[in-house]
Amino acid sequence: MNTHRFAPFLAVLALALGWPLVALAQTDALAAASERGLEAYTSAHSLSNGYGDWHETGLRGHIGVGDHLLGAEIATMKRFGERGRYIGLSDTVTLDPDWFATLSVGAGDGAAYLPDHRVDAFINRKLLASRQLIATLGAGYYRAPDKHTDRNLSLGATYYFDAPWVVQGEIRFNESSPGQVRTHQQFVAATWGREHQTQVVVRHGWGDEGYQAIGGGASLVNFSSRQSQLTLRHWLGPQWGVSLGLERYSNPYYTRKGAVLALFWKLP
């Protein structure tokens, strides 16, 4: 099996799911060691019930160095009437032909909806004789500007069919403090297509959230939510292309709908 295909497909999932580039980190670093990429994106979302529209612009990049895949992102945004900036860094390292791991960190500029700081770690194991199944164990810590904290543990799996499908699922258990609010969320996702052609990603997540800051010192606590996304990624040339994503999120307090437009480059 050609393990080099791991990086492109999981990169598509990372971008489609709106993960910080830290989660692009769940690729095979050795397979991507010769890769360098850059993506510029902008997004806009409308919210119901007077919560205000969202806007975001950002830049993401990754570079392979030896057995490491290094990633970084920077973004500026406006949510719930408050402007914020975020920066994230990650390092994914191949430990041996079957194991790879990720450590990532990120921080906001004090905006209520961004982390004061966060740390996430993942360990991944390739399974089966073909190594087409990847099992993932993750843990994370999030501290918000209002001093509430989240600690999470996640279990996930990704299966690479011969072509052109990749499917993924994950469940995440979270404990928020104060109050020891315990919640869990899960998602399923599927990617169809090939790199340098056209790829389509669909994803649906559901579950409960512990805390969500909504500005003005207020937070939503212990509530259910759902999120669906559809992303089309199309290569317009040998080294570059465009991505368009649509998203819908809902909870008992508001509904959010929006789109993400991005240009990406695979650097020589």
Protein backbone atom coordinates (compact mmCIF):
# COMPACT_ATOMS: atom_id res chain seq x y z
CA MET A 1 0.00 0.00 0.00
CA ASN A 2 1.29 3.48 -0.85
CA THR A 3 1.26 5.29 2.49
CA HIS A 4 2.02 8.60 0.79
CA ARG A 5 -1.68 8.97 0.09
CA PHE A 6 -2.45 9.27 3.83
CA ALA A 7 -1.37 12.89 4.05
CA PRO A 8 -3.52 14.34 1.24
CA PHE A 9 -6.74 12.66 2.35
CA LEU A 10 -6.42 13.57 6.01
CA ALA A 11 -5.37 17.07 5.02
CA VAL A 12 -8.67 17.39 3.17
CA LEU A 13 -10.52 16.18 6.25
CA ALA A 14 -8.66 18.59 8.50
CA LEU A 15 -9.53 21.57 6.35
CA ALA A 16 -13.09 20.45 5.80
CA LEU A 17 -13.75 19.92 9.48
CA GLY A 18 -12.45 23.34 10.35
CA TRP A 19 -9.79 21.89 12.63
CA PRO A 20 -6.83 24.06 13.52
CA LEU A 21 -3.88 22.92 11.47
CA VAL A 22 -2.85 21.01 14.57
CA ALA A 23 -5.25 18.32 13.49
CA LEU A 24 -3.83 18.17 10.01
CA ALA A 25 -1.15 16.80 12.24
CA GLN A 26 -2.94 13.46 12.36
CA THR A 27 -1.29 12.58 9.04
CA ASP A 28 1.66 10.28 8.51
CA ALA A 29 4.64 12.62 8.92
CA LEU A 30 7.08 10.36 7.10
CA ALA A 31 4.73 10.03 4.14
CA ALA A 32 4.44 13.81 3.99
CA ALA A 33 8.07 14.59 4.79
CA SER A 34 8.75 15.94 1.31
CA GLU A 35 5.58 18.04 1.21
CA ARG A 36 5.12 21.78 1.63
CA GLY A 37 1.74 23.43 1.39
CA LEU A 38 -0.04 26.71 1.97
CA GLU A 39 -3.71 27.68 2.19
CA ALA A 40 -5.40 31.08 2.46
CA TYR A 41 -9.09 31.13 3.40
CA THR A 42 -11.98 33.39 4.26
CA SER A 43 -15.34 32.50 5.77
CA ALA A 44 -18.67 34.14 6.61
CA HIS A 45 -21.54 32.82 8.77
CA SER A 46 -24.94 34.19 9.71
CA LEU A 47 -26.43 33.49 13.17
CA SER A 48 -30.04 33.56 14.25
CA ASN A 49 -31.58 35.18 17.35
CA GLY A 50 -29.44 38.33 17.20
CA TYR A 51 -26.08 36.68 17.96
CA GLY A 52 -24.35 38.61 15.16
CA ASP A 53 -22.62 37.44 11.98
CA TRP A 54 -19.20 35.76 11.96
CA HIS A 55 -16.26 36.62 9.69
CA GLU A 56 -12.83 34.97 9.56
CA THR A 57 -9.66 35.15 7.43
CA GLY A 58 -6.60 32.99 7.91
CA LEU A 59 -3.45 31.38 6.55
CA ARG A 60 -2.31 27.80 7.10
CA GLY A 61 0.89 26.07 6.11
CA HIS A 62 2.85 22.87 6.61
CA ILE A 63 6.34 21.65 5.76
CA GLY A 64 8.01 18.26 6.00
CA VAL A 65 11.41 18.16 7.74
CA GLY A 66 12.94 14.70 8.02
CA ASP A 67 10.51 12.52 9.97
CA HIS A 68 8.49 15.56 11.07
CA LEU A 69 5.53 17.40 9.59
CA LEU A 70 5.50 20.93 11.02
CA GLY A 71 2.33 23.01 10.79
CA ALA A 72 1.28 26.55 11.62
CA GLU A 73 -1.78 28.74 11.25
CA ILE A 74 -2.79 32.30 12.02
CA ALA A 75 -6.33 33.66 11.83
CA THR A 76 -8.21 36.86 12.54
CA MET A 77 -11.97 36.80 13.11
CA LYS A 78 -15.07 38.44 14.53
CA ARG A 79 -17.58 36.39 16.50
CA PHE A 80 -20.38 37.44 18.86
CA GLY A 81 -19.46 41.08 18.17
CA GLU A 82 -15.86 40.65 19.40
CA ARG A 83 -12.69 40.59 17.29
CA GLY A 84 -10.00 38.00 17.96
CA ARG A 85 -6.78 36.49 16.68
CA TYR A 86 -5.52 32.92 16.94
CA ILE A 87 -2.18 31.22 16.32
CA GLY A 88 -1.45 27.49 16.33
CA LEU A 89 1.66 25.32 15.93
CA SER A 90 2.01 21.56 15.55
CA ASP A 91 4.59 18.81 15.09
CA THR A 92 3.78 15.32 13.83
CA VAL A 93 6.54 12.75 13.97
CA THR A 94 6.80 9.25 12.52
CA LEU A 95 7.99 6.92 15.27
CA ASP A 96 8.27 3.79 13.13
CA PRO A 97 6.43 2.31 10.10
CA ASP A 98 3.31 1.66 12.22
CA TRP A 99 3.21 4.53 14.73
CA PHE A 100 3.07 8.32 14.43
CA ALA A 101 2.25 11.01 16.98
CA THR A 102 1.27 14.66 17.20
CA LEU A 103 1.74 17.47 19.70
CA SER A 104 0.08 20.83 19.07
CA VAL A 105 -0.37 24.10 20.91
CA GLY A 106 -2.52 27.16 20.26
CA ALA A 107 -3.47 30.48 21.83
CA GLY A 108 -5.86 33.36 21.32
CA ASP A 109 -5.44 37.05 22.01
CA GLY A 110 -7.93 37.21 24.87
CA ALA A 111 -11.19 37.08 22.89
CA ALA A 112 -13.75 35.22 25.00
CA TYR A 113 -14.43 32.52 22.38
CA LEU A 114 -10.74 31.68 21.82
CA PRO A 115 -8.47 29.70 24.14
CA ASP A 116 -6.13 31.46 26.50
CA HIS A 117 -4.06 28.41 25.59
CA ARG A 118 -4.67 24.84 24.51
CA VAL A 119 -2.59 21.67 24.14
CA ASP A 120 -3.58 18.58 22.13
CA ALA A 121 -1.77 15.27 21.65
CA PHE A 122 -2.53 12.25 19.47
CA ILE A 123 -0.99 8.82 19.04
CA ASN A 124 -1.85 6.85 15.90
CA ARG A 125 -1.39 3.19 15.02
CA LYS A 126 -1.68 1.63 11.54
CA LEU A 127 -3.50 -1.70 11.64
CA LEU A 128 -4.11 -4.68 9.33
CA ALA A 129 -1.55 -6.19 6.96
CA SER A 130 -2.31 -3.44 4.45
CA ARG A 131 -2.12 -0.66 7.09
CA GLN A 132 -5.35 0.75 5.67
CA LEU A 133 -6.91 1.19 9.12
CA ILE A 134 -5.58 3.87 11.49
CA ALA A 135 -6.62 3.94 15.16
CA THR A 136 -6.19 7.22 17.05
CA LEU A 137 -6.09 8.05 20.75
CA GLY A 138 -6.10 11.73 21.68
CA ALA A 139 -6.07 13.94 24.76
CA GLY A 140 -6.43 17.69 25.11
CA TYR A 141 -6.50 20.59 27.56
CA TYR A 142 -8.21 23.96 26.94
CA ARG A 143 -8.14 27.02 29.21
CA ALA A 144 -10.45 29.90 28.37
CA PRO A 145 -9.95 33.61 29.19
CA ASP A 146 -12.79 33.34 31.76
CA LYS A 147 -10.67 30.62 33.46
CA HIS A 148 -13.00 27.71 32.71
CA THR A 149 -11.15 24.60 31.53
CA ASP A 150 -11.88 21.61 29.31
CA ARG A 151 -10.12 18.27 29.48
CA ASN A 152 -10.90 15.72 26.79
CA LEU A 153 -10.11 12.20 25.67
CA SER A 154 -10.90 11.02 22.15
CA LEU A 155 -10.99 7.67 20.33
CA GLY A 156 -11.11 7.53 16.54
CA ALA A 157 -10.52 5.39 13.47
CA THR A 158 -9.88 6.07 9.78
CA TYR A 159 -10.14 3.48 7.01
CA TYR A 160 -8.62 3.91 3.53
CA PHE A 161 -10.38 1.94 0.85
CA ASP A 162 -8.34 1.10 -2.25
CA ALA A 163 -10.07 3.99 -4.06
CA PRO A 164 -11.55 6.50 -3.96
CA TRP A 165 -13.09 6.46 -0.43
CA VAL A 166 -11.82 7.30 3.04
CA VAL A 167 -14.14 7.05 6.06
CA GLN A 168 -13.54 8.34 9.57
CA GLY A 169 -15.26 8.37 12.94
CA GLU A 170 -14.47 9.73 16.38
CA ILE A 171 -15.97 10.05 19.84
CA ARG A 172 -14.69 12.65 22.31
CA PHE A 173 -15.34 12.71 26.06
CA ASN A 174 -14.99 16.08 27.77
CA GLU A 175 -15.04 17.38 31.34
CA SER A 176 -15.53 21.13 31.84
CA SER A 177 -14.83 23.00 35.06
CA PRO A 178 -16.14 24.63 37.17
CA GLY A 179 -19.02 22.31 37.86
CA GLN A 180 -17.47 19.11 36.46
CA VAL A 181 -19.78 19.24 33.44
CA ARG A 182 -19.27 15.96 31.59
CA THR A 183 -20.26 15.73 27.93
CA HIS A 184 -19.38 13.78 24.82
CA GLN A 185 -19.56 14.40 21.08
CA GLN A 186 -19.04 12.23 18.03
CA PHE A 187 -18.71 12.64 14.29
CA VAL A 188 -18.57 10.57 11.12
CA ALA A 189 -16.96 11.75 7.87
CA ALA A 190 -16.29 10.44 4.38
CA THR A 191 -13.96 11.63 1.60
CA TRP A 192 -14.45 10.75 -2.06
CA GLY A 193 -11.93 11.52 -4.78
CA ARG A 194 -8.20 11.76 -5.44
CA GLU A 195 -5.54 14.37 -4.92
CA HIS A 196 -4.79 16.55 -7.97
CA GLN A 197 -8.34 15.92 -9.21
CA THR A 198 -11.57 16.56 -7.30
CA GLN A 199 -12.37 15.60 -3.72
CA VAL A 200 -15.65 15.81 -1.81
CA VAL A 201 -15.87 15.62 1.99
CA VAL A 202 -19.06 15.19 4.01
CA ARG A 203 -19.13 15.30 7.79
CA HIS A 204 -21.80 15.20 10.50
CA GLY A 205 -21.23 15.68 14.22
CA TRP A 206 -23.59 15.65 17.19
CA GLY A 207 -23.54 15.50 20.98
CA ASP A 208 -23.29 17.84 23.97
CA GLU A 209 -21.07 20.81 24.80
CA GLY A 210 -19.93 21.90 28.25
CA TYR A 211 -19.18 25.61 27.85
CA GLN A 212 -19.40 28.02 24.92
CA ALA A 213 -18.48 31.68 25.46
CA ILE A 214 -20.81 34.05 23.59
CA GLY A 215 -19.29 37.41 24.57
CA GLY A 216 -20.11 39.97 27.23
CA GLY A 217 -18.97 37.58 29.96
CA ALA A 218 -21.82 35.14 29.17
CA SER A 219 -21.57 31.44 28.35
CA LEU A 220 -23.88 28.65 27.24
CA VAL A 221 -23.50 25.63 29.54
CA ASN A 222 -24.25 21.92 29.07
CA PHE A 223 -26.32 21.87 25.89
CA SER A 224 -26.73 19.71 22.80
CA SER A 225 -25.62 20.68 19.28
CA ARG A 226 -25.36 19.36 15.72
CA GLN A 227 -23.06 20.31 12.88
CA SER A 228 -23.04 19.27 9.21
CA GLN A 229 -20.46 20.19 6.57
CA LEU A 230 -19.95 19.64 2.84
CA THR A 231 -16.64 20.56 1.17
CA LEU A 232 -15.61 20.47 -2.49
CA ARG A 233 -11.88 20.61 -3.19
CA HIS A 234 -10.81 20.93 -6.84
CA TRP A 235 -7.34 21.20 -8.36
CA LEU A 236 -7.10 23.87 -11.07
CA GLY A 237 -3.45 23.18 -11.89
CA PRO A 238 -0.62 20.79 -10.99
CA GLN A 239 0.23 22.70 -7.82
CA TRP A 240 -2.87 24.65 -6.80
CA GLY A 241 -6.63 24.63 -6.48
CA VAL A 242 -9.72 25.95 -4.75
CA SER A 243 -11.91 24.68 -1.90
CA LEU A 244 -15.51 25.61 -1.10
CA GLY A 245 -17.23 24.49 2.08
CA LEU A 246 -20.81 24.83 3.36
CA GLU A 247 -21.71 24.41 7.03
CA ARG A 248 -24.76 24.34 9.29
CA TYR A 249 -24.59 24.30 13.10
CA SER A 250 -27.48 24.35 15.56
CA ASN A 251 -28.06 24.33 19.30
CA PRO A 252 -31.12 25.27 21.43
CA TYR A 253 -30.10 28.95 21.39
CA TYR A 254 -29.17 29.75 17.79
CA THR A 255 -28.52 28.35 14.31
CA ARG A 256 -25.40 29.18 12.32
CA LYS A 257 -25.06 28.84 8.53
CA GLY A 258 -22.08 29.79 6.42
CA ALA A 259 -19.44 29.11 3.80
CA VAL A 260 -15.64 28.88 3.58
CA LEU A 261 -13.67 29.74 0.43
CA ALA A 262 -9.99 28.82 0.19
CA LEU A 263 -7.08 28.78 -2.24
CA PHE A 264 -4.38 26.16 -1.67
CA TRP A 265 -0.92 25.59 -3.08
CA LYS A 266 1.41 22.61 -3.00
CA LEU A 267 4.84 24.23 -2.92
CA PRO A 268 7.87 22.77 -4.73
